[in-house]
PDB file of all heavy atoms in Angstrom:
ATOM      1  N   SER A   1     -21.871  -5.654 -44.501  1.00  0.00           N
ATOM      2  CA  SER A   1     -21.978  -6.445 -43.181  1.00  0.00           C
ATOM      3  C   SER A   1     -20.622  -6.737 -42.640  1.00  0.00           C
ATOM      4  O   SER A   1     -20.506  -7.273 -41.507  1.00  0.00           O
ATOM      5  CB  SER A   1     -22.761  -7.728 -43.391  1.00  0.00           C
ATOM      6  OG  SER A   1     -21.956  -8.676 -44.134  1.00  0.00           O
ATOM      7  N   LEU A   2     -19.565  -6.500 -43.356  1.00  0.00           N
ATOM      8  CA  LEU A   2     -18.142  -6.727 -43.041  1.00  0.00           C
ATOM      9  C   LEU A   2     -17.820  -8.182 -43.213  1.00  0.00           C
ATOM     10  O   LEU A   2     -16.661  -8.603 -42.943  1.00  0.00           O
ATOM     11  CB  LEU A   2     -17.811  -6.274 -41.645  1.00  0.00           C
ATOM     12  CG  LEU A   2     -18.048  -4.849 -41.301  1.00  0.00           C
ATOM     13  CD1 LEU A   2     -17.566  -4.490 -39.888  1.00  0.00           C
ATOM     14  CD2 LEU A   2     -17.398  -3.897 -42.271  1.00  0.00           C
ATOM     15  N   ALA A   3     -18.726  -9.091 -43.677  1.00  0.00           N
ATOM     16  CA  ALA A   3     -18.381 -10.500 -43.852  1.00  0.00           C
ATOM     17  C   ALA A   3     -17.226 -10.608 -44.891  1.00  0.00           C
ATOM     18  O   ALA A   3     -16.314 -11.471 -44.686  1.00  0.00           O
ATOM     19  CB  ALA A   3     -19.616 -11.218 -44.389  1.00  0.00           C
ATOM     20  N   ALA A   4     -17.254  -9.848 -45.990  1.00  0.00           N
ATOM     21  CA  ALA A   4     -16.205  -9.923 -46.984  1.00  0.00           C
ATOM     22  C   ALA A   4     -14.853  -9.651 -46.455  1.00  0.00           C
ATOM     23  O   ALA A   4     -13.840 -10.217 -46.896  1.00  0.00           O
ATOM     24  CB  ALA A   4     -16.548  -9.005 -48.126  1.00  0.00           C
ATOM     25  N   PHE A   5     -14.739  -8.764 -45.492  1.00  0.00           N
ATOM     26  CA  PHE A   5     -13.414  -8.324 -44.938  1.00  0.00           C
ATOM     27  C   PHE A   5     -12.895  -9.328 -43.885  1.00  0.00           C
ATOM     28  O   PHE A   5     -11.752  -9.290 -43.515  1.00  0.00           O
ATOM     29  CB  PHE A   5     -13.545  -6.923 -44.263  1.00  0.00           C
ATOM     30  CG  PHE A   5     -13.971  -5.893 -45.301  1.00  0.00           C
ATOM     31  CD1 PHE A   5     -15.313  -5.441 -45.397  1.00  0.00           C
ATOM     32  CD2 PHE A   5     -13.074  -5.282 -46.176  1.00  0.00           C
ATOM     33  CE1 PHE A   5     -15.660  -4.472 -46.290  1.00  0.00           C
ATOM     34  CE2 PHE A   5     -13.406  -4.314 -47.098  1.00  0.00           C
ATOM     35  CZ  PHE A   5     -14.736  -3.906 -47.103  1.00  0.00           C
ATOM     36  N   CYS A   6     -13.800 -10.225 -43.486  1.00  0.00           N
ATOM     37  CA  CYS A   6     -13.445 -11.183 -42.433  1.00  0.00           C
ATOM     38  C   CYS A   6     -13.393 -12.585 -42.988  1.00  0.00           C
ATOM     39  O   CYS A   6     -13.285 -13.585 -42.155  1.00  0.00           O
ATOM     40  CB  CYS A   6     -14.385 -11.092 -41.263  1.00  0.00           C
ATOM     41  SG  CYS A   6     -14.382  -9.488 -40.419  1.00  0.00           S
ATOM     42  N   GLY A   7     -13.487 -12.739 -44.244  1.00  0.00           N
ATOM     43  CA  GLY A   7     -13.378 -14.070 -44.895  1.00  0.00           C
ATOM     44  C   GLY A   7     -14.565 -15.000 -44.571  1.00  0.00           C
ATOM     45  O   GLY A   7     -14.471 -16.187 -44.588  1.00  0.00           O
ATOM     46  N   VAL A   8     -15.740 -14.367 -44.327  1.00  0.00           N
ATOM     47  CA  VAL A   8     -16.925 -15.137 -43.983  1.00  0.00           C
ATOM     48  C   VAL A   8     -17.888 -15.127 -45.171  1.00  0.00           C
ATOM     49  O   VAL A   8     -18.165 -14.031 -45.742  1.00  0.00           O
ATOM     50  CB  VAL A   8     -17.620 -14.517 -42.751  1.00  0.00           C
ATOM     51  CG1 VAL A   8     -18.917 -15.187 -42.368  1.00  0.00           C
ATOM     52  CG2 VAL A   8     -16.672 -14.539 -41.539  1.00  0.00           C
ATOM     53  N   SER A   9     -18.387 -16.262 -45.543  1.00  0.00           N
ATOM     54  CA  SER A   9     -19.360 -16.389 -46.540  1.00  0.00           C
ATOM     55  C   SER A   9     -20.793 -15.888 -46.048  1.00  0.00           C
ATOM     56  O   SER A   9     -21.160 -16.308 -44.928  1.00  0.00           O
ATOM     57  CB  SER A   9     -19.505 -17.779 -47.022  1.00  0.00           C
ATOM     58  OG  SER A   9     -20.481 -17.974 -48.027  1.00  0.00           O
ATOM     59  N   GLN A  10     -21.460 -15.104 -46.804  1.00  0.00           N
ATOM     60  CA  GLN A  10     -22.785 -14.600 -46.354  1.00  0.00           C
ATOM     61  C   GLN A  10     -23.836 -15.058 -47.298  1.00  0.00           C
ATOM     62  O   GLN A  10     -23.693 -14.851 -48.548  1.00  0.00           O
ATOM     63  CB  GLN A  10     -22.726 -13.036 -46.317  1.00  0.00           C
ATOM     64  CG  GLN A  10     -24.103 -12.453 -46.013  1.00  0.00           C
ATOM     65  CD  GLN A  10     -24.051 -10.944 -45.727  1.00  0.00           C
ATOM     66  OE1 GLN A  10     -23.096 -10.507 -45.041  1.00  0.00           O
ATOM     67  NE2 GLN A  10     -25.057 -10.214 -46.176  1.00  0.00           N
ATOM     68  N   LYS A  11     -24.972 -15.600 -46.807  1.00  0.00           N
ATOM     69  CA  LYS A  11     -26.113 -15.995 -47.554  1.00  0.00           C
ATOM     70  C   LYS A  11     -27.088 -14.850 -47.501  1.00  0.00           C
ATOM     71  O   LYS A  11     -27.516 -14.500 -46.394  1.00  0.00           O
ATOM     72  CB  LYS A  11     -26.755 -17.250 -47.052  1.00  0.00           C
ATOM     73  CG  LYS A  11     -27.847 -17.743 -47.922  1.00  0.00           C
ATOM     74  CD  LYS A  11     -28.372 -19.127 -47.350  1.00  0.00           C
ATOM     75  CE  LYS A  11     -29.486 -19.648 -48.285  1.00  0.00           C
ATOM     76  NZ  LYS A  11     -29.879 -20.997 -47.776  1.00  0.00           N
ATOM     77  N   ASN A  12     -27.275 -14.120 -48.585  1.00  0.00           N
ATOM     78  CA  ASN A  12     -28.074 -12.951 -48.569  1.00  0.00           C
ATOM     79  C   ASN A  12     -29.565 -13.161 -48.221  1.00  0.00           C
ATOM     80  O   ASN A  12     -30.111 -14.214 -48.499  1.00  0.00           O
ATOM     81  CB  ASN A  12     -28.012 -12.249 -49.941  1.00  0.00           C
ATOM     82  CG  ASN A  12     -26.622 -11.666 -50.215  1.00  0.00           C
ATOM     83  OD1 ASN A  12     -25.811 -11.478 -49.305  1.00  0.00           O
ATOM     84  ND2 ASN A  12     -26.317 -11.436 -51.447  1.00  0.00           N
ATOM     85  N   SER A  13     -30.125 -12.159 -47.570  1.00  0.00           N
ATOM     86  CA  SER A  13     -31.530 -12.235 -47.227  1.00  0.00           C
ATOM     87  C   SER A  13     -32.128 -10.810 -47.452  1.00  0.00           C
ATOM     88  O   SER A  13     -31.491  -9.880 -47.923  1.00  0.00           O
ATOM     89  CB  SER A  13     -31.733 -12.671 -45.799  1.00  0.00           C
ATOM     90  OG  SER A  13     -31.013 -11.819 -44.892  1.00  0.00           O
ATOM     91  N   ALA A  14     -33.348 -10.637 -47.029  1.00  0.00           N
ATOM     92  CA  ALA A  14     -34.045  -9.342 -47.214  1.00  0.00           C
ATOM     93  C   ALA A  14     -34.914  -9.024 -46.021  1.00  0.00           C
ATOM     94  O   ALA A  14     -35.413  -9.963 -45.247  1.00  0.00           O
ATOM     95  CB  ALA A  14     -34.883  -9.343 -48.475  1.00  0.00           C
ATOM     96  N   ALA A  15     -35.132  -7.770 -45.742  1.00  0.00           N
ATOM     97  CA  ALA A  15     -36.031  -7.392 -44.636  1.00  0.00           C
ATOM     98  C   ALA A  15     -37.490  -7.534 -44.997  1.00  0.00           C
ATOM     99  O   ALA A  15     -37.870  -7.289 -46.151  1.00  0.00           O
ATOM    100  CB  ALA A  15     -35.728  -5.874 -44.248  1.00  0.00           C
ATOM    101  N   ASP A  16     -38.282  -7.860 -44.090  1.00  0.00           N
ATOM    102  CA  ASP A  16     -39.768  -7.868 -44.150  1.00  0.00           C
ATOM    103  C   ASP A  16     -40.336  -6.544 -43.588  1.00  0.00           C
ATOM    104  O   ASP A  16     -41.359  -6.053 -44.076  1.00  0.00           O
ATOM    105  CB  ASP A  16     -40.363  -9.046 -43.489  1.00  0.00           C
ATOM    106  CG  ASP A  16     -39.856 -10.373 -44.149  1.00  0.00           C
ATOM    107  OD1 ASP A  16     -40.324 -10.653 -45.291  1.00  0.00           O
ATOM    108  OD2 ASP A  16     -39.113 -11.144 -43.529  1.00  0.00           O
ATOM    109  N   ILE A  17     -39.682  -6.098 -42.547  1.00  0.00           N
ATOM    110  CA  ILE A  17     -40.158  -4.903 -41.817  1.00  0.00           C
ATOM    111  C   ILE A  17     -38.915  -4.028 -41.612  1.00  0.00           C
ATOM    112  O   ILE A  17     -37.952  -4.512 -41.050  1.00  0.00           O
ATOM    113  CB  ILE A  17     -40.809  -5.253 -40.476  1.00  0.00           C
ATOM    114  CG1 ILE A  17     -42.039  -6.118 -40.743  1.00  0.00           C
ATOM    115  CG2 ILE A  17     -41.214  -3.955 -39.807  1.00  0.00           C
ATOM    116  CD1 ILE A  17     -42.657  -6.651 -39.436  1.00  0.00           C
ATOM    117  N   VAL A  18     -39.016  -2.781 -42.044  1.00  0.00           N
ATOM    118  CA  VAL A  18     -37.934  -1.797 -41.783  1.00  0.00           C
ATOM    119  C   VAL A  18     -38.468  -0.767 -40.789  1.00  0.00           C
ATOM    120  O   VAL A  18     -39.475  -0.229 -40.858  1.00  0.00           O
ATOM    121  CB  VAL A  18     -37.600  -1.073 -43.149  1.00  0.00           C
ATOM    122  CG1 VAL A  18     -36.540  -0.010 -42.928  1.00  0.00           C
ATOM    123  CG2 VAL A  18     -37.096  -2.078 -44.148  1.00  0.00           C
ATOM    124  N   VAL A  19     -37.663  -0.659 -39.697  1.00  0.00           N
ATOM    125  CA  VAL A  19     -38.055   0.173 -38.558  1.00  0.00           C
ATOM    126  C   VAL A  19     -37.243   1.407 -38.340  1.00  0.00           C
ATOM    127  O   VAL A  19     -36.110   1.524 -38.818  1.00  0.00           O
ATOM    128  CB  VAL A  19     -38.074  -0.679 -37.231  1.00  0.00           C
ATOM    129  CG1 VAL A  19     -39.078  -1.734 -37.246  1.00  0.00           C
ATOM    130  CG2 VAL A  19     -36.657  -1.301 -36.998  1.00  0.00           C
ATOM    131  N   SER A  20     -37.854   2.370 -37.630  1.00  0.00           N
ATOM    132  CA  SER A  20     -37.247   3.558 -37.264  1.00  0.00           C
ATOM    133  C   SER A  20     -37.451   3.837 -35.786  1.00  0.00           C
ATOM    134  O   SER A  20     -38.223   3.141 -35.122  1.00  0.00           O
ATOM    135  CB  SER A  20     -37.806   4.788 -38.086  1.00  0.00           C
ATOM    136  OG  SER A  20     -37.671   4.577 -39.494  1.00  0.00           O
ATOM    137  N   ASP A  21     -36.846   4.858 -35.303  1.00  0.00           N
ATOM    138  CA  ASP A  21     -36.980   5.283 -33.891  1.00  0.00           C
ATOM    139  C   ASP A  21     -38.411   5.359 -33.490  1.00  0.00           C
ATOM    140  O   ASP A  21     -39.232   5.999 -34.193  1.00  0.00           O
ATOM    141  CB  ASP A  21     -36.243   6.597 -33.633  1.00  0.00           C
ATOM    142  CG  ASP A  21     -36.100   6.913 -32.178  1.00  0.00           C
ATOM    143  OD1 ASP A  21     -35.651   6.049 -31.401  1.00  0.00           O
ATOM    144  OD2 ASP A  21     -36.292   8.109 -31.842  1.00  0.00           O
ATOM    145  N   LYS A  22     -38.800   4.816 -32.313  1.00  0.00           N
ATOM    146  CA  LYS A  22     -40.114   4.866 -31.734  1.00  0.00           C
ATOM    147  C   LYS A  22     -41.125   3.962 -32.287  1.00  0.00           C
ATOM    148  O   LYS A  22     -42.260   3.918 -31.907  1.00  0.00           O
ATOM    149  CB  LYS A  22     -40.605   6.341 -31.601  1.00  0.00           C
ATOM    150  CG  LYS A  22     -39.688   7.204 -30.746  1.00  0.00           C
ATOM    151  CD  LYS A  22     -40.281   8.600 -30.707  1.00  0.00           C
ATOM    152  CE  LYS A  22     -39.376   9.595 -29.900  1.00  0.00           C
ATOM    153  NZ  LYS A  22     -39.890  10.940 -29.873  1.00  0.00           N
ATOM    154  N   ASP A  23     -40.789   3.196 -33.362  1.00  0.00           N
ATOM    155  CA  ASP A  23     -41.677   2.201 -33.881  1.00  0.00           C
ATOM    156  C   ASP A  23     -42.009   1.156 -32.826  1.00  0.00           C
ATOM    157  O   ASP A  23     -41.237   0.888 -31.914  1.00  0.00           O
ATOM    158  CB  ASP A  23     -41.115   1.507 -35.127  1.00  0.00           C
ATOM    159  CG  ASP A  23     -41.196   2.368 -36.421  1.00  0.00           C
ATOM    160  OD1 ASP A  23     -41.828   3.469 -36.338  1.00  0.00           O
ATOM    161  OD2 ASP A  23     -40.631   1.998 -37.409  1.00  0.00           O
ATOM    162  N   ILE A  24     -43.146   0.528 -32.954  1.00  0.00           N
ATOM    163  CA  ILE A  24     -43.616  -0.553 -32.014  1.00  0.00           C
ATOM    164  C   ILE A  24     -43.800  -1.805 -32.805  1.00  0.00           C
ATOM    165  O   ILE A  24     -44.519  -1.808 -33.797  1.00  0.00           O
ATOM    166  CB  ILE A  24     -44.937  -0.152 -31.344  1.00  0.00           C
ATOM    167  CG1 ILE A  24     -44.754   1.174 -30.524  1.00  0.00           C
ATOM    168  CG2 ILE A  24     -45.384  -1.295 -30.448  1.00  0.00           C
ATOM    169  CD1 ILE A  24     -43.874   1.025 -29.328  1.00  0.00           C
ATOM    170  N   ILE A  25     -43.178  -2.917 -32.330  1.00  0.00           N
ATOM    171  CA  ILE A  25     -43.378  -4.222 -32.871  1.00  0.00           C
ATOM    172  C   ILE A  25     -44.269  -4.972 -31.870  1.00  0.00           C
ATOM    173  O   ILE A  25     -44.006  -4.968 -30.683  1.00  0.00           O
ATOM    174  CB  ILE A  25     -42.026  -4.949 -32.982  1.00  0.00           C
ATOM    175  CG1 ILE A  25     -41.152  -4.250 -34.031  1.00  0.00           C
ATOM    176  CG2 ILE A  25     -42.360  -6.422 -33.495  1.00  0.00           C
ATOM    177  CD1 ILE A  25     -41.616  -4.232 -35.370  1.00  0.00           C
ATOM    178  N   THR A  26     -45.402  -5.542 -32.331  1.00  0.00           N
ATOM    179  CA  THR A  26     -46.343  -6.178 -31.467  1.00  0.00           C
ATOM    180  C   THR A  26     -46.106  -7.701 -31.556  1.00  0.00           C
ATOM    181  O   THR A  26     -46.189  -8.338 -32.673  1.00  0.00           O
ATOM    182  CB  THR A  26     -47.811  -5.895 -31.850  1.00  0.00           C
ATOM    183  OG1 THR A  26     -48.002  -4.439 -31.755  1.00  0.00           O
ATOM    184  CG2 THR A  26     -48.746  -6.580 -30.902  1.00  0.00           C
ATOM    185  N   LEU A  27     -45.856  -8.309 -30.432  1.00  0.00           N
ATOM    186  CA  LEU A  27     -45.611  -9.786 -30.332  1.00  0.00           C
ATOM    187  C   LEU A  27     -46.635 -10.302 -29.355  1.00  0.00           C
ATOM    188  O   LEU A  27     -46.520 -10.243 -28.129  1.00  0.00           O
ATOM    189  CB  LEU A  27     -44.174 -10.033 -29.776  1.00  0.00           C
ATOM    190  CG  LEU A  27     -43.755 -11.480 -29.594  1.00  0.00           C
ATOM    191  CD1 LEU A  27     -43.599 -12.172 -30.991  1.00  0.00           C
ATOM    192  CD2 LEU A  27     -42.487 -11.625 -28.767  1.00  0.00           C
ATOM    193  N   GLY A  28     -47.698 -10.884 -29.913  1.00  0.00           N
ATOM    194  CA  GLY A  28     -48.794 -11.299 -29.109  1.00  0.00           C
ATOM    195  C   GLY A  28     -49.363 -10.121 -28.416  1.00  0.00           C
ATOM    196  O   GLY A  28     -49.864  -9.140 -28.925  1.00  0.00           O
ATOM    197  N   GLU A  29     -49.334 -10.185 -27.047  1.00  0.00           N
ATOM    198  CA  GLU A  29     -49.796  -9.085 -26.163  1.00  0.00           C
ATOM    199  C   GLU A  29     -48.695  -8.179 -25.723  1.00  0.00           C
ATOM    200  O   GLU A  29     -48.811  -7.258 -24.888  1.00  0.00           O
ATOM    201  CB  GLU A  29     -50.510  -9.654 -24.925  1.00  0.00           C
ATOM    202  CG  GLU A  29     -51.788 -10.487 -25.367  1.00  0.00           C
ATOM    203  CD  GLU A  29     -52.504 -11.107 -24.204  1.00  0.00           C
ATOM    204  OE1 GLU A  29     -52.222 -10.660 -23.029  1.00  0.00           O
ATOM    205  OE2 GLU A  29     -53.313 -12.036 -24.355  1.00  0.00           O
ATOM    206  N   THR A  30     -47.457  -8.445 -26.229  1.00  0.00           N
ATOM    207  CA  THR A  30     -46.272  -7.648 -25.805  1.00  0.00           C
ATOM    208  C   THR A  30     -45.917  -6.586 -26.866  1.00  0.00           C
ATOM    209  O   THR A  30     -45.845  -6.890 -28.029  1.00  0.00           O
ATOM    210  CB  THR A  30     -45.072  -8.656 -25.569  1.00  0.00           C
ATOM    211  OG1 THR A  30     -45.472  -9.506 -24.541  1.00  0.00           O
ATOM    212  CG2 THR A  30     -43.841  -7.844 -25.206  1.00  0.00           C
ATOM    213  N   GLU A  31     -45.599  -5.417 -26.374  1.00  0.00           N
ATOM    214  CA  GLU A  31     -45.158  -4.337 -27.284  1.00  0.00           C
ATOM    215  C   GLU A  31     -43.640  -4.173 -27.102  1.00  0.00           C
ATOM    216  O   GLU A  31     -43.092  -4.101 -25.943  1.00  0.00           O
ATOM    217  CB  GLU A  31     -45.796  -3.021 -26.915  1.00  0.00           C
ATOM    218  CG  GLU A  31     -47.270  -3.003 -27.364  1.00  0.00           C
ATOM    219  CD  GLU A  31     -47.889  -1.580 -27.340  1.00  0.00           C
ATOM    220  OE1 GLU A  31     -47.231  -0.656 -26.668  1.00  0.00           O
ATOM    221  OE2 GLU A  31     -48.887  -1.388 -27.960  1.00  0.00           O
ATOM    222  N   ILE A  32     -42.936  -4.145 -28.250  1.00  0.00           N
ATOM    223  CA  ILE A  32     -41.503  -3.974 -28.280  1.00  0.00           C
ATOM    224  C   ILE A  32     -41.196  -2.628 -28.928  1.00  0.00           C
ATOM    225  O   ILE A  32     -41.522  -2.491 -30.152  1.00  0.00           O
ATOM    226  CB  ILE A  32     -40.800  -5.167 -29.012  1.00  0.00           C
ATOM    227  CG1 ILE A  32     -41.219  -6.452 -28.437  1.00  0.00           C
ATOM    228  CG2 ILE A  32     -39.304  -4.951 -29.090  1.00  0.00           C
ATOM    229  CD1 ILE A  32     -40.845  -7.706 -29.302  1.00  0.00           C
ATOM    230  N   LYS A  33     -40.599  -1.727 -28.270  1.00  0.00           N
ATOM    231  CA  LYS A  33     -40.307  -0.388 -28.766  1.00  0.00           C
ATOM    232  C   LYS A  33     -38.915  -0.350 -29.389  1.00  0.00           C
ATOM    233  O   LYS A  33     -37.981  -0.869 -28.787  1.00  0.00           O
ATOM    234  CB  LYS A  33     -40.381   0.631 -27.630  1.00  0.00           C
ATOM    235  CG  LYS A  33     -40.203   2.081 -28.074  1.00  0.00           C
ATOM    236  CD  LYS A  33     -40.344   3.042 -26.930  1.00  0.00           C
ATOM    237  CE  LYS A  33     -40.079   4.519 -27.360  1.00  0.00           C
ATOM    238  NZ  LYS A  33     -40.116   5.393 -26.174  1.00  0.00           N
ATOM    239  N   VAL A  34     -38.812   0.279 -30.493  1.00  0.00           N
ATOM    240  CA  VAL A  34     -37.562   0.460 -31.240  1.00  0.00           C
ATOM    241  C   VAL A  34     -36.917   1.784 -30.813  1.00  0.00           C
ATOM    242  O   VAL A  34     -37.609   2.854 -30.849  1.00  0.00           O
ATOM    243  CB  VAL A  34     -37.710   0.489 -32.719  1.00  0.00           C
ATOM    244  CG1 VAL A  34     -36.388   0.651 -33.431  1.00  0.00           C
ATOM    245  CG2 VAL A  34     -38.416  -0.858 -33.216  1.00  0.00           C
ATOM    246  N   MET A  35     -35.673   1.769 -30.339  1.00  0.00           N
ATOM    247  CA  MET A  35     -34.939   2.962 -30.077  1.00  0.00           C
ATOM    248  C   MET A  35     -33.748   3.050 -30.995  1.00  0.00           C
ATOM    249  O   MET A  35     -32.850   2.158 -31.018  1.00  0.00           O
ATOM    250  CB  MET A  35     -34.415   3.034 -28.602  1.00  0.00           C
ATOM    251  CG  MET A  35     -33.554   4.200 -28.296  1.00  0.00           C
ATOM    252  SD  MET A  35     -32.869   4.271 -26.587  1.00  0.00           S
ATOM    253  CE  MET A  35     -34.342   5.001 -25.732  1.00  0.00           C
ATOM    254  N   SER A  36     -33.662   4.099 -31.831  1.00  0.00           N
ATOM    255  CA  SER A  36     -32.530   4.263 -32.688  1.00  0.00           C
ATOM    256  C   SER A  36     -31.309   4.776 -31.858  1.00  0.00           C
ATOM    257  O   SER A  36     -31.315   5.674 -31.109  1.00  0.00           O
ATOM    258  CB  SER A  36     -32.889   5.388 -33.750  1.00  0.00           C
ATOM    259  OG  SER A  36     -31.763   5.661 -34.551  1.00  0.00           O
ATOM    260  N   THR A  37     -30.194   4.006 -32.077  1.00  0.00           N
ATOM    261  CA  THR A  37     -28.941   4.255 -31.321  1.00  0.00           C
ATOM    262  C   THR A  37     -27.710   4.174 -32.224  1.00  0.00           C
ATOM    263  O   THR A  37     -26.931   3.323 -32.055  1.00  0.00           O
ATOM    264  CB  THR A  37     -28.796   3.315 -30.090  1.00  0.00           C
ATOM    265  OG1 THR A  37     -28.912   1.954 -30.607  1.00  0.00           O
ATOM    266  CG2 THR A  37     -29.906   3.565 -29.065  1.00  0.00           C
ATOM    267  N   PRO A  38     -27.557   5.076 -33.210  1.00  0.00           N
ATOM    268  CA  PRO A  38     -26.456   4.952 -34.088  1.00  0.00           C
ATOM    269  C   PRO A  38     -25.097   5.243 -33.371  1.00  0.00           C
ATOM    270  O   PRO A  38     -25.090   5.804 -32.270  1.00  0.00           O
ATOM    271  CB  PRO A  38     -26.702   6.096 -35.089  1.00  0.00           C
ATOM    272  CG  PRO A  38     -27.616   7.091 -34.383  1.00  0.00           C
ATOM    273  CD  PRO A  38     -28.415   6.224 -33.448  1.00  0.00           C
ATOM    274  N   GLY A  39     -24.039   4.757 -33.966  1.00  0.00           N
ATOM    275  CA  GLY A  39     -22.742   4.917 -33.354  1.00  0.00           C
ATOM    276  C   GLY A  39     -21.867   3.687 -33.792  1.00  0.00           C
ATOM    277  O   GLY A  39     -20.762   3.880 -34.367  1.00  0.00           O
ATOM    278  N   HIS A  40     -22.327   2.545 -33.479  1.00  0.00           N
ATOM    279  CA  HIS A  40     -21.620   1.298 -33.893  1.00  0.00           C
ATOM    280  C   HIS A  40     -21.827   1.078 -35.408  1.00  0.00           C
ATOM    281  O   HIS A  40     -20.925   0.734 -36.155  1.00  0.00           O
ATOM    282  CB  HIS A  40     -22.106   0.096 -33.067  1.00  0.00           C
ATOM    283  CG  HIS A  40     -21.391  -1.148 -33.400  1.00  0.00           C
ATOM    284  ND1 HIS A  40     -20.056  -1.403 -33.169  1.00  0.00           N
ATOM    285  CD2 HIS A  40     -21.885  -2.362 -33.927  1.00  0.00           C
ATOM    286  CE1 HIS A  40     -19.737  -2.567 -33.501  1.00  0.00           C
ATOM    287  NE2 HIS A  40     -20.836  -3.235 -33.955  1.00  0.00           N
ATOM    288  N   THR A  41     -23.100   1.249 -35.855  1.00  0.00           N
ATOM    289  CA  THR A  41     -23.422   1.379 -37.257  1.00  0.00           C
ATOM    290  C   THR A  41     -24.437   2.520 -37.303  1.00  0.00           C
ATOM    291  O   THR A  41     -25.009   2.935 -36.342  1.00  0.00           O
ATOM    292  CB  THR A  41     -24.074   0.122 -37.782  1.00  0.00           C
ATOM    293  OG1 THR A  41     -25.357  -0.127 -37.174  1.00  0.00           O
ATOM    294  CG2 THR A  41     -23.180  -1.143 -37.619  1.00  0.00           C
ATOM    295  N   LYS A  42     -24.721   2.926 -38.566  1.00  0.00           N
ATOM    296  CA  LYS A  42     -25.667   4.028 -38.764  1.00  0.00           C
ATOM    297  C   LYS A  42     -27.060   3.620 -38.319  1.00  0.00           C
ATOM    298  O   LYS A  42     -27.843   4.448 -37.928  1.00  0.00           O
ATOM    299  CB  LYS A  42     -25.679   4.434 -40.231  1.00  0.00           C
ATOM    300  CG  LYS A  42     -24.492   5.231 -40.732  1.00  0.00           C
ATOM    301  CD  LYS A  42     -24.344   6.548 -39.952  1.00  0.00           C
ATOM    302  CE  LYS A  42     -23.105   7.324 -40.435  1.00  0.00           C
ATOM    303  NZ  LYS A  42     -22.915   8.535 -39.555  1.00  0.00           N
ATOM    304  N   GLY A  43     -27.377   2.328 -38.453  1.00  0.00           N
ATOM    305  CA  GLY A  43     -28.677   1.864 -38.149  1.00  0.00           C
ATOM    306  C   GLY A  43     -28.837   0.991 -36.861  1.00  0.00           C
ATOM    307  O   GLY A  43     -29.839   0.317 -36.757  1.00  0.00           O
ATOM    308  N   SER A  44     -27.871   1.162 -36.019  1.00  0.00           N
ATOM    309  CA  SER A  44     -28.071   0.363 -34.762  1.00  0.00           C
ATOM    310  C   SER A  44     -29.288   0.761 -34.031  1.00  0.00           C
ATOM    311  O   SER A  44     -29.672   1.989 -33.948  1.00  0.00           O
ATOM    312  CB  SER A  44     -26.798   0.556 -33.907  1.00  0.00           C
ATOM    313  OG  SER A  44     -25.681  -0.072 -34.358  1.00  0.00           O
TER     314      SER A  44
END
């Protein structure tokens, strides 16, 4: 996460949902589409 290189303490966590390009997250009646856009990081 680069925290170690910036002198920042990180409290670790874990993913509940791992997404890929074109996945859909449903929030109530709203659909949120995932678009994979690597470049800044591999998984942006």
